């Protein structure tokens, strides 16, 4: 995945000695999720799409986990994932598999306290 992280504002920021932010990592994560799903909705194949966290981004331990992301078109993002939670959860389990879903679920419950730079290195690997 590291090859997908091109020189961006983040590289310029680092060169200027500016601090890495959560927003920076969110953008990198979203770009990698878009690449992973070929910029298409995982449900219907429509474009444009948005990167969606399977488990809320409030769980820092899986916030930037690439297994915890999926791309959805606007319709499926807001009218399915955010409004029909149980149906969406069932669809996700069928799509990614119960074992992967449970792994992400368990990981999301862990308390993560690591520097943002460590999270960036994980995204690069």
N, C-alpha and C. Protein backbone atom coordinates (compact mmCIF):
# COMPACT_ATOMS: atom_id res chain seq x y z
N UNK A 1 0.82 -1.20 0.00
CA UNK A 1 0.00 0.00 0.00
C UNK A 1 0.86 1.26 0.00
N UNK A 2 2.07 1.18 0.50
CA UNK A 2 2.89 2.38 0.61
C UNK A 2 3.11 3.03 -0.75
N UNK A 3 3.12 2.23 -1.80
CA UNK A 3 3.35 2.78 -3.13
C UNK A 3 2.21 3.70 -3.56
N UNK A 4 1.05 3.56 -2.94
CA UNK A 4 -0.08 4.41 -3.27
C UNK A 4 -0.02 5.76 -2.57
N UNK A 5 0.86 5.90 -1.60
CA UNK A 5 1.01 7.19 -0.91
C UNK A 5 2.05 7.99 -1.68
N UNK A 6 1.58 8.91 -2.50
CA UNK A 6 2.47 9.73 -3.30
C UNK A 6 2.86 10.96 -2.52
N UNK A 7 3.79 11.72 -3.08
CA UNK A 7 4.17 12.97 -2.44
C UNK A 7 2.96 13.88 -2.42
N UNK A 8 2.58 14.28 -1.26
CA UNK A 8 1.40 15.11 -1.07
C UNK A 8 1.74 16.28 -0.18
N UNK A 9 0.70 16.96 0.23
CA UNK A 9 0.89 18.05 1.18
C UNK A 9 1.55 17.54 2.45
N UNK A 10 1.33 16.25 2.75
CA UNK A 10 1.93 15.67 3.94
C UNK A 10 3.45 15.69 3.82
N UNK A 11 3.98 15.37 2.64
CA UNK A 11 5.43 15.39 2.44
C UNK A 11 5.96 16.80 2.62
N UNK A 12 5.25 17.78 2.08
CA UNK A 12 5.66 19.18 2.22
C UNK A 12 5.59 19.60 3.68
N UNK A 13 4.55 19.14 4.36
CA UNK A 13 4.36 19.48 5.77
C UNK A 13 5.53 18.94 6.60
N UNK A 14 5.89 17.68 6.31
CA UNK A 14 6.99 17.05 7.04
C UNK A 14 8.30 17.78 6.76
N UNK A 15 8.50 18.18 5.50
CA UNK A 15 9.71 18.88 5.13
C UNK A 15 9.82 20.23 5.85
N UNK A 16 8.68 20.85 6.09
CA UNK A 16 8.67 22.13 6.78
C UNK A 16 8.71 21.96 8.30
N UNK A 17 8.71 20.72 8.76
CA UNK A 17 8.77 20.46 10.19
C UNK A 17 7.44 20.61 10.90
N UNK A 18 6.34 20.62 10.15
CA UNK A 18 5.03 20.75 10.77
C UNK A 18 4.58 19.40 11.31
N UNK A 19 3.75 19.45 12.33
CA UNK A 19 3.29 18.26 13.02
C UNK A 19 2.21 17.50 12.22
N UNK A 20 2.31 16.18 12.25
CA UNK A 20 1.31 15.32 11.65
C UNK A 20 0.01 15.43 12.43
N UNK A 21 -1.13 15.50 11.73
CA UNK A 21 -2.42 15.64 12.41
C UNK A 21 -3.33 14.45 12.12
N UNK A 22 -4.35 14.33 12.92
CA UNK A 22 -5.36 13.30 12.70
C UNK A 22 -6.01 13.49 11.33
N UNK A 23 -6.25 14.72 10.97
CA UNK A 23 -6.85 15.03 9.66
C UNK A 23 -5.95 14.53 8.52
N UNK A 24 -4.64 14.66 8.68
CA UNK A 24 -3.69 14.15 7.67
C UNK A 24 -3.87 12.64 7.50
N UNK A 25 -3.90 11.92 8.62
CA UNK A 25 -4.04 10.47 8.56
C UNK A 25 -5.40 10.07 8.00
N UNK A 26 -6.45 10.81 8.33
CA UNK A 26 -7.78 10.53 7.78
C UNK A 26 -7.77 10.64 6.25
N UNK A 27 -7.09 11.65 5.73
CA UNK A 27 -7.02 11.83 4.27
C UNK A 27 -6.25 10.70 3.61
N UNK A 28 -5.13 10.30 4.22
CA UNK A 28 -4.34 9.20 3.67
C UNK A 28 -5.16 7.92 3.69
N UNK A 29 -5.82 7.65 4.83
CA UNK A 29 -6.65 6.45 4.96
C UNK A 29 -7.74 6.45 3.88
N UNK A 30 -8.43 7.56 3.72
CA UNK A 30 -9.51 7.65 2.74
C UNK A 30 -8.99 7.40 1.32
N UNK A 31 -7.83 7.97 1.00
CA UNK A 31 -7.26 7.74 -0.34
C UNK A 31 -6.92 6.27 -0.55
N UNK A 32 -6.37 5.62 0.47
CA UNK A 32 -6.04 4.20 0.35
C UNK A 32 -7.30 3.34 0.22
N UNK A 33 -8.36 3.71 0.93
CA UNK A 33 -9.63 2.97 0.81
C UNK A 33 -10.19 3.15 -0.60
N UNK A 34 -10.14 4.38 -1.12
CA UNK A 34 -10.60 4.61 -2.49
C UNK A 34 -9.81 3.77 -3.48
N UNK A 35 -8.50 3.69 -3.31
CA UNK A 35 -7.67 2.85 -4.19
C UNK A 35 -8.03 1.38 -4.05
N UNK A 36 -8.25 0.94 -2.82
CA UNK A 36 -8.57 -0.47 -2.56
C UNK A 36 -9.85 -0.90 -3.29
N UNK A 37 -10.82 0.00 -3.34
CA UNK A 37 -12.10 -0.33 -3.98
C UNK A 37 -12.25 0.31 -5.35
N UNK A 38 -11.13 0.73 -5.93
CA UNK A 38 -11.12 1.25 -7.30
C UNK A 38 -12.05 2.45 -7.48
N UNK A 39 -12.20 3.24 -6.42
CA UNK A 39 -13.06 4.43 -6.44
C UNK A 39 -14.50 4.14 -6.82
N UNK A 40 -14.98 2.97 -6.47
CA UNK A 40 -16.36 2.58 -6.79
C UNK A 40 -17.08 2.12 -5.53
N UNK A 41 -18.37 2.35 -5.51
CA UNK A 41 -19.20 1.87 -4.41
C UNK A 41 -19.10 0.35 -4.34
N UNK A 42 -18.82 -0.17 -3.17
CA UNK A 42 -18.69 -1.62 -2.99
C UNK A 42 -20.02 -2.34 -3.19
N UNK A 43 -21.12 -1.60 -3.09
CA UNK A 43 -22.43 -2.22 -3.24
C UNK A 43 -22.91 -2.20 -4.68
N UNK A 44 -22.87 -1.02 -5.32
CA UNK A 44 -23.46 -0.89 -6.65
C UNK A 44 -22.47 -0.53 -7.75
N UNK A 45 -21.24 -0.20 -7.39
CA UNK A 45 -20.23 0.14 -8.38
C UNK A 45 -20.29 1.59 -8.87
N UNK A 46 -21.16 2.39 -8.29
CA UNK A 46 -21.31 3.79 -8.72
C UNK A 46 -20.12 4.64 -8.28
N UNK A 47 -19.96 5.72 -8.99
CA UNK A 47 -19.00 6.76 -8.62
C UNK A 47 -19.73 8.08 -8.66
N UNK A 48 -19.33 9.10 -7.97
CA UNK A 48 -18.25 9.12 -6.99
C UNK A 48 -18.66 8.39 -5.72
N UNK A 49 -17.68 8.14 -4.89
CA UNK A 49 -17.97 7.43 -3.65
C UNK A 49 -17.23 8.07 -2.49
N UNK A 50 -17.56 7.61 -1.29
CA UNK A 50 -16.98 8.13 -0.06
C UNK A 50 -16.41 6.97 0.75
N UNK A 51 -15.33 7.23 1.45
CA UNK A 51 -14.75 6.20 2.32
C UNK A 51 -15.58 6.13 3.60
N UNK A 52 -15.96 4.93 3.98
CA UNK A 52 -16.81 4.72 5.15
C UNK A 52 -16.11 3.78 6.13
N UNK A 53 -16.14 4.13 7.41
CA UNK A 53 -15.62 3.25 8.45
C UNK A 53 -16.69 2.22 8.81
N UNK A 54 -16.33 0.95 8.78
CA UNK A 54 -17.27 -0.10 9.19
C UNK A 54 -17.55 0.04 10.67
N UNK A 55 -16.49 0.18 11.47
CA UNK A 55 -16.64 0.53 12.88
C UNK A 55 -16.23 1.98 13.02
N UNK A 56 -16.97 2.72 13.77
CA UNK A 56 -16.82 4.17 13.89
C UNK A 56 -15.37 4.61 14.03
N UNK A 57 -15.07 5.74 13.43
CA UNK A 57 -13.72 6.27 13.56
C UNK A 57 -13.44 6.79 14.97
N UNK A 58 -14.43 6.80 15.81
CA UNK A 58 -14.19 7.17 17.21
C UNK A 58 -13.32 6.11 17.90
N UNK A 59 -13.30 4.89 17.35
CA UNK A 59 -12.43 3.84 17.87
C UNK A 59 -11.05 4.02 17.23
N UNK A 60 -10.16 4.64 17.95
CA UNK A 60 -8.85 4.97 17.37
C UNK A 60 -8.06 3.73 16.96
N UNK A 61 -8.28 2.61 17.64
CA UNK A 61 -7.52 1.40 17.33
C UNK A 61 -7.82 0.86 15.93
N UNK A 62 -8.95 1.23 15.35
CA UNK A 62 -9.26 0.79 13.98
C UNK A 62 -9.54 1.96 13.04
N UNK A 63 -9.35 3.17 13.53
CA UNK A 63 -9.66 4.36 12.72
C UNK A 63 -8.93 4.34 11.38
N UNK A 64 -7.66 3.92 11.38
CA UNK A 64 -6.88 3.91 10.14
C UNK A 64 -6.54 2.50 9.68
N UNK A 65 -7.31 1.53 10.15
CA UNK A 65 -7.15 0.13 9.72
C UNK A 65 -7.82 -0.01 8.35
N UNK A 66 -7.07 -0.48 7.37
CA UNK A 66 -7.62 -0.58 6.02
C UNK A 66 -8.71 -1.65 5.91
N UNK A 67 -8.72 -2.61 6.81
CA UNK A 67 -9.80 -3.60 6.82
C UNK A 67 -11.10 -2.98 7.32
N UNK A 68 -11.02 -1.85 8.00
CA UNK A 68 -12.18 -1.19 8.59
C UNK A 68 -12.78 -0.14 7.65
N UNK A 69 -12.44 -0.19 6.39
CA UNK A 69 -12.96 0.80 5.46
C UNK A 69 -13.58 0.17 4.23
N UNK A 70 -14.51 0.90 3.67
CA UNK A 70 -15.20 0.47 2.46
C UNK A 70 -15.66 1.73 1.74
N UNK A 71 -15.77 1.68 0.43
CA UNK A 71 -16.27 2.85 -0.29
C UNK A 71 -17.74 2.66 -0.64
N UNK A 72 -18.49 3.72 -0.43
CA UNK A 72 -19.92 3.70 -0.71
C UNK A 72 -20.32 4.98 -1.45
N UNK A 73 -21.26 4.85 -2.36
CA UNK A 73 -21.81 6.04 -3.01
C UNK A 73 -22.65 6.79 -1.97
N UNK A 74 -23.00 8.01 -2.28
CA UNK A 74 -23.76 8.84 -1.33
C UNK A 74 -25.02 8.11 -0.86
N UNK A 75 -25.75 7.55 -1.81
CA UNK A 75 -27.01 6.88 -1.48
C UNK A 75 -26.80 5.75 -0.48
N UNK A 76 -25.85 4.88 -0.75
CA UNK A 76 -25.61 3.74 0.16
C UNK A 76 -24.95 4.18 1.47
N UNK A 77 -24.14 5.24 1.41
CA UNK A 77 -23.48 5.70 2.62
C UNK A 77 -24.51 6.25 3.62
N UNK A 78 -25.38 7.13 3.16
CA UNK A 78 -26.30 7.78 4.10
C UNK A 78 -27.66 7.12 4.23
N UNK A 79 -28.11 6.44 3.19
CA UNK A 79 -29.45 5.84 3.26
C UNK A 79 -29.41 4.34 3.54
N UNK A 80 -28.22 3.81 3.72
CA UNK A 80 -28.10 2.39 4.08
C UNK A 80 -27.19 2.26 5.30
N UNK A 81 -25.92 2.64 5.16
CA UNK A 81 -24.95 2.45 6.26
C UNK A 81 -25.31 3.25 7.51
N UNK A 82 -25.81 4.47 7.33
CA UNK A 82 -26.09 5.32 8.49
C UNK A 82 -27.56 5.35 8.89
N UNK A 83 -28.40 4.60 8.18
CA UNK A 83 -29.82 4.64 8.58
C UNK A 83 -30.42 3.25 8.78
N UNK A 84 -29.84 2.25 8.17
CA UNK A 84 -30.33 0.88 8.35
C UNK A 84 -29.18 0.03 8.87
N UNK A 85 -28.75 0.39 10.07
CA UNK A 85 -27.52 -0.17 10.62
C UNK A 85 -27.49 -1.70 10.62
N UNK A 86 -28.54 -2.34 11.11
CA UNK A 86 -28.52 -3.80 11.21
C UNK A 86 -28.45 -4.46 9.84
N UNK A 87 -29.21 -3.94 8.88
CA UNK A 87 -29.15 -4.49 7.53
C UNK A 87 -27.77 -4.29 6.92
N UNK A 88 -27.20 -3.10 7.16
CA UNK A 88 -25.87 -2.82 6.64
C UNK A 88 -24.84 -3.74 7.28
N UNK A 89 -24.93 -3.92 8.60
CA UNK A 89 -24.01 -4.82 9.30
C UNK A 89 -24.08 -6.23 8.71
N UNK A 90 -25.28 -6.71 8.47
CA UNK A 90 -25.44 -8.04 7.88
C UNK A 90 -24.80 -8.11 6.49
N UNK A 91 -24.99 -7.05 5.70
CA UNK A 91 -24.39 -7.00 4.37
C UNK A 91 -22.87 -7.02 4.47
N UNK A 92 -22.31 -6.23 5.39
CA UNK A 92 -20.86 -6.17 5.57
C UNK A 92 -20.32 -7.54 5.95
N UNK A 93 -20.97 -8.21 6.88
CA UNK A 93 -20.52 -9.54 7.31
C UNK A 93 -20.50 -10.50 6.12
N UNK A 94 -21.52 -10.42 5.29
CA UNK A 94 -21.56 -11.28 4.10
C UNK A 94 -20.46 -10.88 3.12
N UNK A 95 -20.21 -9.59 2.98
CA UNK A 95 -19.24 -9.08 2.00
C UNK A 95 -17.80 -9.37 2.41
N UNK A 96 -17.42 -9.09 3.67
CA UNK A 96 -16.03 -9.27 4.09
C UNK A 96 -15.79 -10.57 4.85
N UNK A 97 -16.86 -11.24 5.23
CA UNK A 97 -16.74 -12.49 5.97
C UNK A 97 -16.84 -12.26 7.47
N UNK A 98 -17.44 -13.21 8.15
CA UNK A 98 -17.67 -13.09 9.58
C UNK A 98 -16.37 -13.04 10.37
N UNK A 99 -15.37 -13.81 9.93
CA UNK A 99 -14.09 -13.84 10.66
C UNK A 99 -13.42 -12.46 10.61
N UNK A 100 -13.37 -11.85 9.45
CA UNK A 100 -12.76 -10.52 9.32
C UNK A 100 -13.56 -9.49 10.10
N UNK A 101 -14.88 -9.57 10.01
CA UNK A 101 -15.75 -8.63 10.74
C UNK A 101 -15.48 -8.72 12.24
N UNK A 102 -15.44 -9.94 12.76
CA UNK A 102 -15.21 -10.13 14.20
C UNK A 102 -13.81 -9.68 14.62
N UNK A 103 -12.83 -9.87 13.74
CA UNK A 103 -11.46 -9.41 14.03
C UNK A 103 -11.44 -7.89 14.17
N UNK A 104 -12.08 -7.19 13.24
CA UNK A 104 -12.13 -5.72 13.30
C UNK A 104 -12.92 -5.28 14.53
N UNK A 105 -14.03 -5.96 14.81
CA UNK A 105 -14.85 -5.61 15.98
C UNK A 105 -14.03 -5.73 17.26
N UNK A 106 -13.32 -6.83 17.41
CA UNK A 106 -12.50 -7.05 18.61
C UNK A 106 -11.39 -5.99 18.69
N UNK A 107 -10.75 -5.72 17.57
CA UNK A 107 -9.67 -4.72 17.53
C UNK A 107 -10.21 -3.33 17.88
N UNK A 108 -11.42 -3.02 17.44
CA UNK A 108 -11.98 -1.69 17.68
C UNK A 108 -12.21 -1.41 19.16
N UNK A 109 -12.32 -2.44 19.95
CA UNK A 109 -12.59 -2.27 21.39
C UNK A 109 -11.33 -2.03 22.22
N UNK A 110 -10.16 -2.15 21.58
CA UNK A 110 -8.90 -1.94 22.29
C UNK A 110 -8.62 -0.44 22.42
N UNK A 111 -7.96 -0.09 23.47
CA UNK A 111 -7.57 1.31 23.67
C UNK A 111 -6.19 1.49 23.07
N UNK A 112 -6.09 2.41 22.12
CA UNK A 112 -4.84 2.64 21.43
C UNK A 112 -4.29 4.01 21.80
N UNK A 113 -3.09 4.00 22.27
CA UNK A 113 -2.40 5.25 22.58
C UNK A 113 -1.02 5.15 21.97
N UNK A 114 -0.93 5.56 20.72
CA UNK A 114 0.37 5.56 20.06
C UNK A 114 0.51 6.86 19.28
N UNK A 115 1.72 7.28 19.03
CA UNK A 115 1.92 8.51 18.28
C UNK A 115 1.33 8.39 16.87
N UNK A 116 0.86 9.49 16.33
CA UNK A 116 0.29 9.48 14.99
C UNK A 116 1.29 8.98 13.96
N UNK A 117 2.56 9.25 14.18
CA UNK A 117 3.59 8.79 13.25
C UNK A 117 3.62 7.27 13.16
N UNK A 118 3.34 6.58 14.27
CA UNK A 118 3.28 5.11 14.25
C UNK A 118 2.11 4.64 13.41
N UNK A 119 0.98 5.34 13.51
CA UNK A 119 -0.19 5.00 12.69
C UNK A 119 0.12 5.23 11.21
N UNK A 120 0.85 6.29 10.91
CA UNK A 120 1.24 6.56 9.52
C UNK A 120 2.11 5.43 9.00
N UNK A 121 3.05 4.96 9.79
CA UNK A 121 3.93 3.87 9.36
C UNK A 121 3.12 2.60 9.07
N UNK A 122 2.08 2.33 9.86
CA UNK A 122 1.23 1.17 9.62
C UNK A 122 0.49 1.31 8.30
N UNK A 123 0.04 2.52 7.97
CA UNK A 123 -0.63 2.74 6.69
C UNK A 123 0.31 2.54 5.53
N UNK A 124 1.57 2.88 5.72
CA UNK A 124 2.55 2.73 4.64
C UNK A 124 2.91 1.28 4.38
N UNK A 125 2.74 0.42 5.38
CA UNK A 125 3.14 -0.98 5.21
C UNK A 125 2.09 -1.82 4.53
